[in-house]
Amino acid sequence: MIAWYIVPYEVIRQPDMIYRRCAMDGYTKQIFASGGNWTETEILGNRAIVKVRATQEILNTLDTVFKRLPKDRLDDSLADLSQTIKQKLKNELLDMGYTIEELQERFPKDLSEYTLRDVLKFATKRRLKPRYDAKKDEIFVDGIEQRCRPIESVDEEIQE
């Protein structure tokens, strides 16, 4: 089974280092043990878009932890989604850091006219480079704009 998720990054502190990782990494052993796999692309808002191949049981667990996207294939139309779900998708993009103007420019019509690929390509337009502040011993995600890994690359890596 395949599923797409929006997953936060988390800060990991060890005695001699601090680093960020995609929170999906906490489920890597379970996913791999079932013969599954996952990969990601970092996006705005200290998040990643993650594609997972796993058993239904594991996907059910992930559904309780992370935001699962409402479609499983990039070329799936969003036409059959409720207005509530489409608005949640738009709100997620806004929460990531995209502006209402950017959303309106890219999606001038109802999301019913688009596919999951369209939304994910938009979400992967940019991200911000993380930086470590030694004085505060914190990682901030407020650096210069970076390119994201293309969503097609993520899609190609994880197949059923």
Protein backbone atom coordinates (compact mmCIF):
# COMPACT_ATOMS: atom_id res chain seq x y z
CA MET A 1 0.00 0.00 0.00
CA ILE A 2 1.12 3.55 -0.78
CA ALA A 3 0.34 6.78 1.07
CA TRP A 4 1.55 10.39 1.10
CA TYR A 5 1.99 12.38 4.32
CA ILE A 6 2.98 15.82 5.53
CA VAL A 7 5.41 15.23 8.37
CA PRO A 8 7.21 17.68 10.67
CA TYR A 9 10.92 17.72 11.29
CA GLU A 10 12.03 17.15 14.84
CA VAL A 11 15.15 18.18 16.70
CA ILE A 12 17.27 15.38 18.09
CA ARG A 13 19.66 16.20 20.92
CA GLN A 14 22.52 13.92 21.78
CA PRO A 15 25.34 14.65 24.21
CA ASP A 16 27.72 15.78 21.47
CA MET A 17 25.35 16.94 18.72
CA ILE A 18 22.02 18.41 17.76
CA TYR A 19 20.33 17.71 14.44
CA ARG A 20 17.00 17.63 12.64
CA ARG A 21 15.31 14.62 11.15
CA CYS A 22 12.01 13.89 9.50
CA ALA A 23 9.73 12.52 12.22
CA MET A 24 8.85 9.60 9.91
CA ASP A 25 12.29 8.26 10.80
CA GLY A 26 10.84 7.15 14.12
CA TYR A 27 8.86 4.52 12.18
CA THR A 28 11.65 3.36 9.84
CA LYS A 29 12.25 0.05 11.63
CA GLN A 30 8.56 -0.90 11.52
CA ILE A 31 8.20 0.13 7.88
CA PHE A 32 11.35 -1.71 6.78
CA ALA A 33 10.49 -4.80 8.83
CA SER A 34 7.25 -5.13 6.87
CA GLY A 35 9.11 -4.91 3.56
CA GLY A 36 8.18 -1.27 3.10
CA ASN A 37 10.13 1.89 2.49
CA TRP A 38 9.76 5.67 2.61
CA THR A 39 11.41 8.80 1.29
CA GLU A 40 10.86 12.53 1.57
CA THR A 41 11.38 16.00 0.23
CA GLU A 42 11.76 18.87 2.64
CA ILE A 43 9.32 21.75 2.16
CA LEU A 44 8.48 25.09 3.79
CA GLY A 45 7.34 25.20 7.39
CA ASN A 46 9.91 22.74 8.79
CA ARG A 47 7.98 19.89 7.16
CA ALA A 48 8.45 17.16 4.60
CA ILE A 49 6.24 15.51 2.06
CA VAL A 50 6.77 11.80 2.59
CA LYS A 51 5.77 8.87 0.40
CA VAL A 52 5.43 5.56 2.25
CA ARG A 53 5.00 2.00 1.08
CA ALA A 54 3.89 -0.18 3.98
CA THR A 55 1.26 -2.60 5.15
CA GLN A 56 -2.23 -1.28 5.82
CA GLU A 57 -1.66 -1.84 9.53
CA ILE A 58 1.39 0.44 9.55
CA LEU A 59 -0.36 3.06 7.40
CA ASN A 60 -3.23 3.01 9.88
CA THR A 61 -0.74 3.77 12.67
CA LEU A 62 0.90 6.56 10.65
CA ASP A 63 -2.55 8.03 9.94
CA THR A 64 -2.96 8.65 13.68
CA VAL A 65 0.38 10.46 13.93
CA PHE A 66 0.85 12.42 10.69
CA LYS A 67 -1.31 14.31 8.20
CA ARG A 68 -2.16 11.89 5.43
CA LEU A 69 -2.87 13.42 2.06
CA PRO A 70 -6.28 12.54 0.64
CA LYS A 71 -5.00 10.81 -2.51
CA ASP A 72 -2.40 8.10 -3.06
CA ARG A 73 -1.31 8.70 -6.67
CA LEU A 74 0.15 11.89 -8.11
CA ASP A 75 -2.27 11.99 -11.02
CA ASP A 76 -5.35 11.41 -8.87
CA SER A 77 -7.89 14.17 -9.40
CA LEU A 78 -9.03 16.21 -6.41
CA ALA A 79 -12.51 16.61 -7.95
CA ASP A 80 -14.22 14.11 -5.65
CA LEU A 81 -12.90 15.66 -2.42
CA SER A 82 -15.26 17.55 -0.16
CA GLN A 83 -14.90 21.32 0.10
CA THR A 84 -13.75 20.80 3.69
CA ILE A 85 -10.85 18.58 2.64
CA LYS A 86 -9.86 20.91 -0.20
CA GLN A 87 -9.88 23.84 2.22
CA LYS A 88 -7.69 21.85 4.64
CA LEU A 89 -5.19 21.36 1.81
CA LYS A 90 -5.14 25.08 1.11
CA ASN A 91 -4.83 25.88 4.82
CA GLU A 92 -1.88 23.51 5.10
CA LEU A 93 -0.11 25.34 2.25
CA LEU A 94 -0.78 28.65 3.98
CA ASP A 95 0.51 27.27 7.28
CA MET A 96 3.71 26.16 5.54
CA GLY A 97 4.39 29.78 4.66
CA TYR A 98 2.91 30.29 1.22
CA THR A 99 0.80 33.41 0.82
CA ILE A 100 -2.84 33.64 -0.17
CA GLU A 101 -1.70 35.52 -3.27
CA GLU A 102 0.61 32.66 -4.27
CA LEU A 103 -2.23 30.20 -3.77
CA GLN A 104 -4.66 32.28 -5.79
CA GLU A 105 -2.14 32.72 -8.59
CA ARG A 106 -1.40 29.00 -8.83
CA PHE A 107 -4.92 27.74 -8.09
CA PRO A 108 -7.30 30.41 -9.40
CA LYS A 109 -10.11 27.87 -9.58
CA ASP A 110 -11.45 25.36 -7.12
CA LEU A 111 -8.98 22.55 -6.34
CA SER A 112 -11.42 20.22 -8.10
CA GLU A 113 -9.71 21.20 -11.34
CA TYR A 114 -6.32 19.90 -10.16
CA THR A 115 -4.48 16.73 -9.19
CA LEU A 116 -2.42 15.73 -6.18
CA ARG A 117 0.66 16.29 -8.37
CA ASP A 118 -0.37 19.93 -8.91
CA VAL A 119 -0.67 20.57 -5.17
CA LEU A 120 2.57 18.76 -4.29
CA LYS A 121 4.54 20.49 -7.05
CA PHE A 122 3.35 23.79 -5.60
CA ALA A 123 4.29 22.69 -2.06
CA THR A 124 7.79 21.82 -3.28
CA LYS A 125 8.53 25.21 -4.83
CA ARG A 126 10.90 26.18 -2.03
CA ARG A 127 12.09 25.58 1.49
CA LEU A 128 14.28 27.50 3.91
CA LYS A 129 17.78 26.43 4.86
CA PRO A 130 18.13 25.40 8.52
CA ARG A 131 20.87 26.93 10.65
CA TYR A 132 22.32 26.15 14.03
CA ASP A 133 22.62 28.98 16.56
CA ALA A 134 25.39 27.94 18.96
CA LYS A 135 24.60 30.67 21.51
CA LYS A 136 21.00 29.49 21.85
CA ASP A 137 21.85 25.86 21.10
CA GLU A 138 18.88 25.76 18.73
CA ILE A 139 18.20 24.97 15.11
CA PHE A 140 16.22 27.60 13.23
CA VAL A 141 14.64 27.10 9.82
CA ASP A 142 14.85 30.67 8.59
CA GLY A 143 17.80 30.71 6.22
CA ILE A 144 17.97 31.38 2.51
CA GLU A 145 15.53 29.81 0.11
CA GLN A 146 16.51 26.39 -1.17
CA ARG A 147 15.18 24.12 -3.87
CA CYS A 148 13.19 21.10 -2.84
CA ARG A 149 13.72 17.62 -4.15
CA PRO A 150 11.25 17.25 -7.05
CA ILE A 151 8.08 15.40 -6.14
CA GLU A 152 8.53 13.14 -9.18
CA SER A 153 11.84 11.94 -7.71
CA VAL A 154 10.12 11.02 -4.46
CA ASP A 155 7.34 9.29 -6.37
CA GLU A 156 9.75 7.26 -8.50
CA GLU A 157 11.76 6.03 -5.52
CA ILE A 158 8.82 4.42 -3.72
CA GLN A 159 6.73 2.06 -5.81
CA GLU A 160 4.24 -0.65 -4.86
